[in-house]
Amino acid sequence: YIFRRTILTLTGYEISPKEPISYNAMAAWIKGVGRILGIEDNVICYS
């Protein structure tokens, strides 16, 4: 997968070899950045 989540290893964070990023995680990141930008409505992936 191109879009992969991070996992904790012995020395820190690394990109997982096979686990993709979940939809809920990506949606939360986009929504949070939209709030920092100052948008009133929640920015969703479907926008």
All heavy atoms as atom14 arrays in JSON, in Angstrom:
{
  "sequence": "YIFRRTILTLTGYEISPKEPISYNAMAAWIKGVGRILGIEDNVICYS",
  "atom14_mask": [
    [1, 1, 1, 1, 1, 1, 1, 1, 1, 1, 1, 1, 0, 0],
    [1, 1, 1, 1, 1, 1, 1, 1, 0, 0, 0, 0, 0, 0],
    [1, 1, 1, 1, 1, 1, 1, 1, 1, 1, 1, 0, 0, 0],
    [1, 1, 1, 1, 1, 1, 1, 1, 1, 1, 1, 0, 0, 0],
    [1, 1, 1, 1, 1, 1, 1, 1, 1, 1, 1, 0, 0, 0],
    [1, 1, 1, 1, 1, 1, 1, 0, 0, 0, 0, 0, 0, 0],
    [1, 1, 1, 1, 1, 1, 1, 1, 0, 0, 0, 0, 0, 0],
    [1, 1, 1, 1, 1, 1, 1, 1, 0, 0, 0, 0, 0, 0],
    [1, 1, 1, 1, 1, 1, 1, 0, 0, 0, 0, 0, 0, 0],
    [1, 1, 1, 1, 1, 1, 1, 1, 0, 0, 0, 0, 0, 0],
    [1, 1, 1, 1, 1, 1, 1, 0, 0, 0, 0, 0, 0, 0],
    [1, 1, 1, 1, 0, 0, 0, 0, 0, 0, 0, 0, 0, 0],
    [1, 1, 1, 1, 1, 1, 1, 1, 1, 1, 1, 1, 0, 0],
    [1, 1, 1, 1, 1, 1, 1, 1, 1, 0, 0, 0, 0, 0],
    [1, 1, 1, 1, 1, 1, 1, 1, 0, 0, 0, 0, 0, 0],
    [1, 1, 1, 1, 1, 1, 0, 0, 0, 0, 0, 0, 0, 0],
    [1, 1, 1, 1, 1, 1, 1, 0, 0, 0, 0, 0, 0, 0],
    [1, 1, 1, 1, 1, 1, 1, 1, 1, 0, 0, 0, 0, 0],
    [1, 1, 1, 1, 1, 1, 1, 1, 1, 0, 0, 0, 0, 0],
    [1, 1, 1, 1, 1, 1, 1, 0, 0, 0, 0, 0, 0, 0],
    [1, 1, 1, 1, 1, 1, 1, 1, 0, 0, 0, 0, 0, 0],
    [1, 1, 1, 1, 1, 1, 0, 0, 0, 0, 0, 0, 0, 0],
    [1, 1, 1, 1, 1, 1, 1, 1, 1, 1, 1, 1, 0, 0],
    [1, 1, 1, 1, 1, 1, 1, 1, 0, 0, 0, 0, 0, 0],
    [1, 1, 1, 1, 1, 0, 0, 0, 0, 0, 0, 0, 0, 0],
    [1, 1, 1, 1, 1, 1, 1, 1, 0, 0, 0, 0, 0, 0],
    [1, 1, 1, 1, 1, 0, 0, 0, 0, 0, 0, 0, 0, 0],
    [1, 1, 1, 1, 1, 0, 0, 0, 0, 0, 0, 0, 0, 0],
    [1, 1, 1, 1, 1, 1, 1, 1, 1, 1, 1, 1, 1, 1],
    [1, 1, 1, 1, 1, 1, 1, 1, 0, 0, 0, 0, 0, 0],
    [1, 1, 1, 1, 1, 1, 1, 1, 1, 0, 0, 0, 0, 0],
    [1, 1, 1, 1, 0, 0, 0, 0, 0, 0, 0, 0, 0, 0],
    [1, 1, 1, 1, 1, 1, 1, 0, 0, 0, 0, 0, 0, 0],
    [1, 1, 1, 1, 0, 0, 0, 0, 0, 0, 0, 0, 0, 0],
    [1, 1, 1, 1, 1, 1, 1, 1, 1, 1, 1, 0, 0, 0],
    [1, 1, 1, 1, 1, 1, 1, 1, 0, 0, 0, 0, 0, 0],
    [1, 1, 1, 1, 1, 1, 1, 1, 0, 0, 0, 0, 0, 0],
    [1, 1, 1, 1, 0, 0, 0, 0, 0, 0, 0, 0, 0, 0],
    [1, 1, 1, 1, 1, 1, 1, 1, 0, 0, 0, 0, 0, 0],
    [1, 1, 1, 1, 1, 1, 1, 1, 1, 0, 0, 0, 0, 0],
    [1, 1, 1, 1, 1, 1, 1, 1, 0, 0, 0, 0, 0, 0],
    [1, 1, 1, 1, 1, 1, 1, 1, 0, 0, 0, 0, 0, 0],
    [1, 1, 1, 1, 1, 1, 1, 0, 0, 0, 0, 0, 0, 0],
    [1, 1, 1, 1, 1, 1, 1, 1, 0, 0, 0, 0, 0, 0],
    [1, 1, 1, 1, 1, 1, 0, 0, 0, 0, 0, 0, 0, 0],
    [1, 1, 1, 1, 1, 1, 1, 1, 1, 1, 1, 1, 0, 0],
    [1, 1, 1, 1, 1, 1, 0, 0, 0, 0, 0, 0, 0, 0]
  ],
  "atom14_positions": [
    [[0.84, -1.2, 0.0], [0.0, 0.0, 0.0], [0.87, 1.25, 0.0], [1.94, 1.28, 0.62], [-0.92, 0.03, 1.22], [-1.98, -1.05, 1.22], [-1.94, -2.11, 2.1], [-3.04, -0.99, 0.33], [-2.91, -3.1, 2.1], [-4.03, -1.97, 0.32], [-3.95, -3.02, 1.21], [-4.91, -3.99, 1.19], [0.0, 0.0, 0.0], [0.0, 0.0, 0.0]],
    [[0.4, 2.28, -0.68], [1.12, 3.56, -0.67], [0.86, 4.3, 0.63], [1.78, 4.83, 1.25], [0.68, 4.42, -1.88], [1.08, 3.73, -3.18], [1.31, 5.81, -1.81], [0.61, 4.45, -4.42], [0.0, 0.0, 0.0], [0.0, 0.0, 0.0], [0.0, 0.0, 0.0], [0.0, 0.0, 0.0], [0.0, 0.0, 0.0], [0.0, 0.0, 0.0]],
    [[-0.39, 4.31, 1.07], [-0.77, 5.03, 2.29], [-0.77, 4.02, 3.45], [-1.74, 3.29, 3.65], [-2.14, 5.68, 2.13], [-2.21, 6.66, 0.99], [-2.61, 6.26, -0.27], [-1.84, 7.98, 1.18], [-2.67, 7.16, -1.32], [-1.89, 8.89, 0.14], [-2.3, 8.47, -1.12], [0.0, 0.0, 0.0], [0.0, 0.0, 0.0], [0.0, 0.0, 0.0]],
    [[0.33, 4.0, 4.21], [0.47, 3.05, 5.31], [0.63, 3.78, 6.64], [1.2, 4.86, 6.7], [1.69, 2.15, 5.06], [1.5, 1.13, 3.95], [2.8, 0.46, 3.6], [3.69, 1.37, 2.87], [4.98, 1.16, 2.7], [5.55, 0.11, 3.23], [5.71, 2.03, 2.01], [0.0, 0.0, 0.0], [0.0, 0.0, 0.0], [0.0, 0.0, 0.0]],
    [[0.11, 3.16, 7.66], [0.17, 3.73, 9.01], [1.55, 3.51, 9.6], [2.37, 2.77, 9.05], [-0.89, 3.09, 9.91], [-0.7, 1.59, 10.09], [-1.81, 1.0, 10.94], [-1.72, 1.49, 12.3], [-1.12, 0.84, 13.28], [-0.55, -0.33, 13.06], [-1.1, 1.34, 14.5], [0.0, 0.0, 0.0], [0.0, 0.0, 0.0], [0.0, 0.0, 0.0]],
    [[1.79, 4.14, 10.75], [3.06, 3.97, 11.44], [2.92, 2.93, 12.55], [1.82, 2.72, 13.09], [3.54, 5.29, 12.06], [2.51, 5.81, 12.92], [3.86, 6.3, 10.98], [0.0, 0.0, 0.0], [0.0, 0.0, 0.0], [0.0, 0.0, 0.0], [0.0, 0.0, 0.0], [0.0, 0.0, 0.0], [0.0, 0.0, 0.0], [0.0, 0.0, 0.0]],
    [[4.02, 2.29, 12.86], [4.06, 1.35, 13.97], [5.26, 1.68, 14.85], [6.24, 2.26, 14.38], [4.16, -0.11, 13.47], [5.38, -0.28, 12.56], [2.89, -0.53, 12.76], [5.63, -1.71, 12.14], [0.0, 0.0, 0.0], [0.0, 0.0, 0.0], [0.0, 0.0, 0.0], [0.0, 0.0, 0.0], [0.0, 0.0, 0.0], [0.0, 0.0, 0.0]],
    [[5.17, 1.32, 16.11], [6.26, 1.53, 17.04], [7.22, 0.35, 16.97], [6.8, -0.81, 17.04], [5.73, 1.69, 18.46], [5.41, 3.11, 18.92], [4.74, 3.08, 20.28], [6.67, 3.96, 18.98], [0.0, 0.0, 0.0], [0.0, 0.0, 0.0], [0.0, 0.0, 0.0], [0.0, 0.0, 0.0], [0.0, 0.0, 0.0], [0.0, 0.0, 0.0]],
    [[8.5, 0.63, 16.81], [9.52, -0.4, 16.78], [10.49, -0.19, 17.94], [10.24, 0.63, 18.83], [10.27, -0.37, 15.44], [10.92, 0.91, 15.29], [9.31, -0.59, 14.28], [0.0, 0.0, 0.0], [0.0, 0.0, 0.0], [0.0, 0.0, 0.0], [0.0, 0.0, 0.0], [0.0, 0.0, 0.0], [0.0, 0.0, 0.0], [0.0, 0.0, 0.0]],
    [[11.6, -0.9, 17.9], [12.57, -0.83, 18.98], [13.11, 0.57, 19.2], [13.31, 1.01, 20.33], [13.72, -1.8, 18.69], [14.86, -1.84, 19.71], [14.36, -2.38, 21.04], [16.02, -2.68, 19.19], [0.0, 0.0, 0.0], [0.0, 0.0, 0.0], [0.0, 0.0, 0.0], [0.0, 0.0, 0.0], [0.0, 0.0, 0.0], [0.0, 0.0, 0.0]],
    [[13.33, 1.31, 18.13], [13.97, 2.62, 18.25], [13.05, 3.78, 17.91], [13.51, 4.92, 17.84], [15.2, 2.69, 17.33], [14.8, 2.38, 15.98], [16.25, 1.69, 17.78], [0.0, 0.0, 0.0], [0.0, 0.0, 0.0], [0.0, 0.0, 0.0], [0.0, 0.0, 0.0], [0.0, 0.0, 0.0], [0.0, 0.0, 0.0], [0.0, 0.0, 0.0]],
    [[11.77, 3.54, 17.67], [10.87, 4.65, 17.37], [9.82, 4.26, 16.36], [9.47, 3.08, 16.19], [0.0, 0.0, 0.0], [0.0, 0.0, 0.0], [0.0, 0.0, 0.0], [0.0, 0.0, 0.0], [0.0, 0.0, 0.0], [0.0, 0.0, 0.0], [0.0, 0.0, 0.0], [0.0, 0.0, 0.0], [0.0, 0.0, 0.0], [0.0, 0.0, 0.0]],
    [[9.3, 5.25, 15.64], [8.23, 5.03, 14.68], [8.8, 4.68, 13.31], [9.82, 5.23, 12.88], [7.36, 6.28, 14.55], [6.45, 6.51, 15.73], [6.79, 7.42, 16.74], [5.25, 5.82, 15.85], [5.96, 7.63, 17.82], [4.4, 6.04, 16.94], [4.76, 6.94, 17.91], [3.94, 7.15, 18.98], [0.0, 0.0, 0.0], [0.0, 0.0, 0.0]],
    [[8.11, 3.76, 12.64], [8.43, 3.4, 11.26], [7.13, 3.17, 10.51], [6.08, 2.92, 11.11], [9.31, 2.14, 11.2], [10.73, 2.34, 11.7], [11.57, 1.09, 11.54], [11.04, 0.1, 10.96], [12.72, 1.08, 11.98], [0.0, 0.0, 0.0], [0.0, 0.0, 0.0], [0.0, 0.0, 0.0], [0.0, 0.0, 0.0], [0.0, 0.0, 0.0]],
    [[7.23, 3.23, 9.17], [6.06, 2.96, 8.34], [5.8, 1.46, 8.34], [6.72, 0.65, 8.14], [6.27, 3.48, 6.92], [6.29, 5.01, 6.91], [5.19, 2.98, 5.98], [4.96, 5.65, 7.28], [0.0, 0.0, 0.0], [0.0, 0.0, 0.0], [0.0, 0.0, 0.0], [0.0, 0.0, 0.0], [0.0, 0.0, 0.0], [0.0, 0.0, 0.0]],
    [[4.55, 1.09, 8.57], [4.19, -0.33, 8.58], [4.41, -0.95, 7.21], [4.14, -0.31, 6.19], [2.73, -0.49, 9.0], [2.28, -1.82, 8.81], [0.0, 0.0, 0.0], [0.0, 0.0, 0.0], [0.0, 0.0, 0.0], [0.0, 0.0, 0.0], [0.0, 0.0, 0.0], [0.0, 0.0, 0.0], [0.0, 0.0, 0.0], [0.0, 0.0, 0.0]],
    [[4.89, -2.18, 7.14], [5.12, -2.79, 5.82], [3.85, -3.16, 5.08], [3.85, -3.26, 3.85], [5.94, -4.05, 6.15], [5.63, -4.35, 7.57], [5.37, -3.03, 8.24], [0.0, 0.0, 0.0], [0.0, 0.0, 0.0], [0.0, 0.0, 0.0], [0.0, 0.0, 0.0], [0.0, 0.0, 0.0], [0.0, 0.0, 0.0], [0.0, 0.0, 0.0]],
    [[2.73, -3.37, 5.79], [1.54, -3.86, 5.1], [0.21, -3.29, 5.59], [-0.81, -3.52, 4.95], [1.48, -5.38, 5.22], [1.49, -5.91, 6.64], [1.48, -7.44, 6.66], [2.78, -7.98, 6.13], [2.88, -9.46, 6.31], [0.0, 0.0, 0.0], [0.0, 0.0, 0.0], [0.0, 0.0, 0.0], [0.0, 0.0, 0.0], [0.0, 0.0, 0.0]],
    [[0.17, -2.52, 6.66], [-1.11, -2.04, 7.19], [-1.42, -0.65, 6.63], [-0.64, 0.28, 6.83], [-1.06, -1.98, 8.71], [-0.86, -3.32, 9.39], [-0.83, -3.19, 10.9], [-1.7, -2.48, 11.44], [0.05, -3.78, 11.53], [0.0, 0.0, 0.0], [0.0, 0.0, 0.0], [0.0, 0.0, 0.0], [0.0, 0.0, 0.0], [0.0, 0.0, 0.0]],
    [[-2.56, -0.48, 5.95], [-2.9, 0.85, 5.4], [-3.43, 1.78, 6.48], [-3.83, 1.35, 7.57], [-3.99, 0.52, 4.37], [-4.65, -0.71, 4.91], [-3.56, -1.5, 5.59], [0.0, 0.0, 0.0], [0.0, 0.0, 0.0], [0.0, 0.0, 0.0], [0.0, 0.0, 0.0], [0.0, 0.0, 0.0], [0.0, 0.0, 0.0], [0.0, 0.0, 0.0]],
    [[-3.43, 3.06, 6.16], [-4.03, 4.05, 7.06], [-5.54, 3.86, 7.04], [-6.15, 3.69, 5.99], [-3.66, 5.48, 6.59], [-2.14, 5.68, 6.64], [-4.34, 6.53, 7.46], [-1.69, 7.0, 6.04], [0.0, 0.0, 0.0], [0.0, 0.0, 0.0], [0.0, 0.0, 0.0], [0.0, 0.0, 0.0], [0.0, 0.0, 0.0], [0.0, 0.0, 0.0]],
    [[-6.14, 3.9, 8.2], [-7.59, 3.73, 8.27], [-8.31, 5.0, 7.8], [-7.76, 6.1, 7.87], [-8.02, 3.38, 9.7], [-7.79, 4.48, 10.57], [0.0, 0.0, 0.0], [0.0, 0.0, 0.0], [0.0, 0.0, 0.0], [0.0, 0.0, 0.0], [0.0, 0.0, 0.0], [0.0, 0.0, 0.0], [0.0, 0.0, 0.0], [0.0, 0.0, 0.0]],
    [[-9.53, 4.81, 7.36], [-10.32, 5.96, 6.9], [-10.59, 6.93, 8.04], [-10.53, 8.15, 7.86], [-11.64, 5.47, 6.3], [-12.59, 6.57, 5.91], [-12.41, 7.27, 4.72], [-13.65, 6.94, 6.73], [-13.26, 8.3, 4.35], [-14.51, 7.97, 6.38], [-14.31, 8.64, 5.18], [-15.15, 9.66, 4.83], [0.0, 0.0, 0.0], [0.0, 0.0, 0.0]],
    [[-10.87, 6.4, 9.24], [-11.17, 7.27, 10.38], [-9.97, 8.14, 10.74], [-10.12, 9.31, 11.09], [-11.59, 6.43, 11.58], [-12.95, 5.78, 11.38], [-13.77, 6.26, 10.61], [-13.2, 4.69, 12.07], [0.0, 0.0, 0.0], [0.0, 0.0, 0.0], [0.0, 0.0, 0.0], [0.0, 0.0, 0.0], [0.0, 0.0, 0.0], [0.0, 0.0, 0.0]],
    [[-8.76, 7.56, 10.67], [-7.56, 8.34, 10.99], [-7.36, 9.45, 9.97], [-7.09, 10.6, 10.35], [-6.35, 7.42, 11.04], [0.0, 0.0, 0.0], [0.0, 0.0, 0.0], [0.0, 0.0, 0.0], [0.0, 0.0, 0.0], [0.0, 0.0, 0.0], [0.0, 0.0, 0.0], [0.0, 0.0, 0.0], [0.0, 0.0, 0.0], [0.0, 0.0, 0.0]],
    [[-7.46, 9.13, 8.69], [-7.28, 10.15, 7.66], [-8.34, 11.24, 7.77], [-8.05, 12.44, 7.64], [-7.32, 9.5, 6.28], [-7.07, 10.45, 5.12], [-5.43, 11.2, 5.15], [-4.42, 9.82, 4.62], [0.0, 0.0, 0.0], [0.0, 0.0, 0.0], [0.0, 0.0, 0.0], [0.0, 0.0, 0.0], [0.0, 0.0, 0.0], [0.0, 0.0, 0.0]],
    [[-9.59, 10.84, 8.01], [-10.67, 11.83, 8.14], [-10.43, 12.75, 9.34], [-10.7, 13.96, 9.27], [-12.01, 11.12, 8.28], [0.0, 0.0, 0.0], [0.0, 0.0, 0.0], [0.0, 0.0, 0.0], [0.0, 0.0, 0.0], [0.0, 0.0, 0.0], [0.0, 0.0, 0.0], [0.0, 0.0, 0.0], [0.0, 0.0, 0.0], [0.0, 0.0, 0.0]],
    [[-9.92, 12.2, 10.44], [-9.65, 13.02, 11.63], [-8.52, 14.01, 11.35], [-8.59, 15.17, 11.8], [-9.3, 12.13, 12.81], [0.0, 0.0, 0.0], [0.0, 0.0, 0.0], [0.0, 0.0, 0.0], [0.0, 0.0, 0.0], [0.0, 0.0, 0.0], [0.0, 0.0, 0.0], [0.0, 0.0, 0.0], [0.0, 0.0, 0.0], [0.0, 0.0, 0.0]],
    [[-7.48, 13.61, 10.63], [-6.39, 14.53, 10.31], [-6.89, 15.68, 9.44], [-6.56, 16.85, 9.69], [-5.27, 13.79, 9.59], [-4.63, 12.72, 10.41], [-4.68, 12.59, 11.77], [-3.87, 11.6, 9.95], [-4.0, 11.47, 12.18], [-3.48, 10.85, 11.09], [-3.47, 11.16, 8.68], [-2.72, 9.69, 10.99], [-2.71, 10.01, 8.59], [-2.34, 9.28, 9.73]],
    [[-7.68, 15.36, 8.42], [-8.18, 16.4, 7.52], [-9.12, 17.35, 8.26], [-9.08, 18.57, 8.08], [-8.88, 15.75, 6.31], [-7.85, 14.97, 5.48], [-9.6, 16.78, 5.46], [-8.46, 14.19, 4.34], [0.0, 0.0, 0.0], [0.0, 0.0, 0.0], [0.0, 0.0, 0.0], [0.0, 0.0, 0.0], [0.0, 0.0, 0.0], [0.0, 0.0, 0.0]],
    [[-9.96, 16.8, 9.11], [-10.87, 17.64, 9.9], [-10.1, 18.55, 10.84], [-10.4, 19.74, 10.97], [-11.83, 16.74, 10.7], [-12.73, 17.49, 11.65], [-13.59, 16.52, 12.45], [-14.4, 17.24, 13.51], [-15.22, 16.29, 14.32], [0.0, 0.0, 0.0], [0.0, 0.0, 0.0], [0.0, 0.0, 0.0], [0.0, 0.0, 0.0], [0.0, 0.0, 0.0]],
    [[-9.06, 18.01, 11.51], [-8.27, 18.81, 12.44], [-7.54, 19.95, 11.76], [-7.49, 21.07, 12.27], [0.0, 0.0, 0.0], [0.0, 0.0, 0.0], [0.0, 0.0, 0.0], [0.0, 0.0, 0.0], [0.0, 0.0, 0.0], [0.0, 0.0, 0.0], [0.0, 0.0, 0.0], [0.0, 0.0, 0.0], [0.0, 0.0, 0.0], [0.0, 0.0, 0.0]],
    [[-6.95, 19.66, 10.59], [-6.25, 20.72, 9.85], [-7.24, 21.78, 9.37], [-6.93, 22.98, 9.37], [-5.46, 20.11, 8.68], [-4.85, 21.2, 7.82], [-4.38, 19.18, 9.2], [0.0, 0.0, 0.0], [0.0, 0.0, 0.0], [0.0, 0.0, 0.0], [0.0, 0.0, 0.0], [0.0, 0.0, 0.0], [0.0, 0.0, 0.0], [0.0, 0.0, 0.0]],
    [[-8.43, 21.37, 8.98], [-9.45, 22.34, 8.57], [-9.83, 23.28, 9.7], [-10.06, 24.47, 9.48], [0.0, 0.0, 0.0], [0.0, 0.0, 0.0], [0.0, 0.0, 0.0], [0.0, 0.0, 0.0], [0.0, 0.0, 0.0], [0.0, 0.0, 0.0], [0.0, 0.0, 0.0], [0.0, 0.0, 0.0], [0.0, 0.0, 0.0], [0.0, 0.0, 0.0]],
    [[-9.88, 22.76, 10.91], [-10.19, 23.62, 12.06], [-9.05, 24.59, 12.33], [-9.28, 25.75, 12.68], [-10.46, 22.76, 13.29], [-11.76, 21.98, 13.21], [-12.22, 21.51, 14.55], [-13.6, 21.04, 14.5], [-14.31, 20.71, 15.56], [-13.78, 20.82, 16.77], [-15.55, 20.29, 15.44], [0.0, 0.0, 0.0], [0.0, 0.0, 0.0], [0.0, 0.0, 0.0]],
    [[-7.81, 24.11, 12.2], [-6.67, 25.01, 12.38], [-6.7, 26.11, 11.33], [-6.34, 27.27, 11.6], [-5.36, 24.21, 12.32], [-5.28, 23.23, 13.49], [-4.15, 25.14, 12.33], [-4.12, 22.29, 13.43], [0.0, 0.0, 0.0], [0.0, 0.0, 0.0], [0.0, 0.0, 0.0], [0.0, 0.0, 0.0], [0.0, 0.0, 0.0], [0.0, 0.0, 0.0]],
    [[-7.13, 25.77, 10.12], [-7.23, 26.77, 9.05], [-8.31, 27.8, 9.34], [-8.27, 28.91, 8.81], [-7.5, 26.06, 7.72], [-7.58, 26.9, 6.45], [-6.28, 27.67, 6.23], [-7.88, 26.01, 5.24], [0.0, 0.0, 0.0], [0.0, 0.0, 0.0], [0.0, 0.0, 0.0], [0.0, 0.0, 0.0], [0.0, 0.0, 0.0], [0.0, 0.0, 0.0]],
    [[-9.28, 27.45, 10.19], [-10.32, 28.4, 10.57], [-11.64, 28.2, 9.86], [-12.46, 29.13, 9.82], [0.0, 0.0, 0.0], [0.0, 0.0, 0.0], [0.0, 0.0, 0.0], [0.0, 0.0, 0.0], [0.0, 0.0, 0.0], [0.0, 0.0, 0.0], [0.0, 0.0, 0.0], [0.0, 0.0, 0.0], [0.0, 0.0, 0.0], [0.0, 0.0, 0.0]],
    [[-11.88, 27.01, 9.3], [-13.13, 26.75, 8.58], [-14.21, 26.36, 9.58], [-13.98, 25.55, 10.49], [-12.91, 25.64, 7.54], [-11.87, 26.1, 6.51], [-14.21, 25.27, 6.85], [-11.53, 25.05, 5.48], [0.0, 0.0, 0.0], [0.0, 0.0, 0.0], [0.0, 0.0, 0.0], [0.0, 0.0, 0.0], [0.0, 0.0, 0.0], [0.0, 0.0, 0.0]],
    [[-15.4, 26.91, 9.41], [-16.49, 26.66, 10.34], [-17.01, 25.23, 10.2], [-17.12, 24.5, 11.18], [-17.63, 27.66, 10.1], [-18.83, 27.44, 11.0], [-19.95, 28.42, 10.7], [-19.85, 29.14, 9.69], [-20.92, 28.45, 11.48], [0.0, 0.0, 0.0], [0.0, 0.0, 0.0], [0.0, 0.0, 0.0], [0.0, 0.0, 0.0], [0.0, 0.0, 0.0]],
    [[-17.37, 24.82, 8.99], [-17.86, 23.47, 8.76], [-16.71, 22.47, 8.83], [-15.56, 22.8, 8.53], [-18.54, 23.37, 7.39], [-19.75, 24.28, 7.3], [-20.44, 24.44, 8.32], [-20.0, 24.84, 6.22], [0.0, 0.0, 0.0], [0.0, 0.0, 0.0], [0.0, 0.0, 0.0], [0.0, 0.0, 0.0], [0.0, 0.0, 0.0], [0.0, 0.0, 0.0]],
    [[-17.03, 21.25, 9.19], [-16.01, 20.22, 9.23], [-15.59, 19.86, 7.8], [-16.43, 19.58, 6.95], [-16.55, 18.97, 9.93], [-16.74, 19.18, 11.41], [-16.05, 19.99, 12.03], [-17.68, 18.47, 12.0], [0.0, 0.0, 0.0], [0.0, 0.0, 0.0], [0.0, 0.0, 0.0], [0.0, 0.0, 0.0], [0.0, 0.0, 0.0], [0.0, 0.0, 0.0]],
    [[-14.28, 19.88, 7.56], [-13.76, 19.48, 6.26], [-13.73, 17.96, 6.23], [-13.08, 17.32, 7.06], [-12.35, 20.05, 6.02], [-11.84, 19.64, 4.66], [-12.37, 21.56, 6.14], [0.0, 0.0, 0.0], [0.0, 0.0, 0.0], [0.0, 0.0, 0.0], [0.0, 0.0, 0.0], [0.0, 0.0, 0.0], [0.0, 0.0, 0.0], [0.0, 0.0, 0.0]],
    [[-14.43, 17.37, 5.29], [-14.5, 15.91, 5.18], [-13.85, 15.47, 3.88], [-13.61, 16.27, 2.97], [-15.96, 15.42, 5.25], [-16.78, 16.03, 4.11], [-16.59, 15.77, 6.6], [-18.21, 15.52, 4.04], [0.0, 0.0, 0.0], [0.0, 0.0, 0.0], [0.0, 0.0, 0.0], [0.0, 0.0, 0.0], [0.0, 0.0, 0.0], [0.0, 0.0, 0.0]],
    [[-13.55, 14.18, 3.8], [-12.91, 13.65, 2.59], [-13.79, 13.83, 1.36], [-13.28, 13.96, 0.24], [-12.57, 12.18, 2.8], [-11.43, 11.86, 4.16], [0.0, 0.0, 0.0], [0.0, 0.0, 0.0], [0.0, 0.0, 0.0], [0.0, 0.0, 0.0], [0.0, 0.0, 0.0], [0.0, 0.0, 0.0], [0.0, 0.0, 0.0], [0.0, 0.0, 0.0]],
    [[-15.11, 13.82, 1.55], [-16.02, 13.92, 0.43], [-16.15, 15.35, -0.1], [-16.79, 15.57, -1.12], [-17.4, 13.39, 0.82], [-17.56, 11.91, 0.57], [-17.02, 10.98, 1.44], [-18.24, 11.42, -0.53], [-17.15, 9.62, 1.23], [-18.38, 10.07, -0.76], [-17.83, 9.18, 0.13], [-17.96, 7.83, -0.1], [0.0, 0.0, 0.0], [0.0, 0.0, 0.0]],
    [[-15.58, 16.33, 0.6], [-15.66, 17.71, 0.11], [-15.02, 17.84, -1.26], [-15.53, 18.55, -2.14], [-14.97, 18.66, 1.11], [-15.62, 18.65, 2.36], [0.0, 0.0, 0.0], [0.0, 0.0, 0.0], [0.0, 0.0, 0.0], [0.0, 0.0, 0.0], [0.0, 0.0, 0.0], [0.0, 0.0, 0.0], [0.0, 0.0, 0.0], [0.0, 0.0, 0.0]]
  ]
}
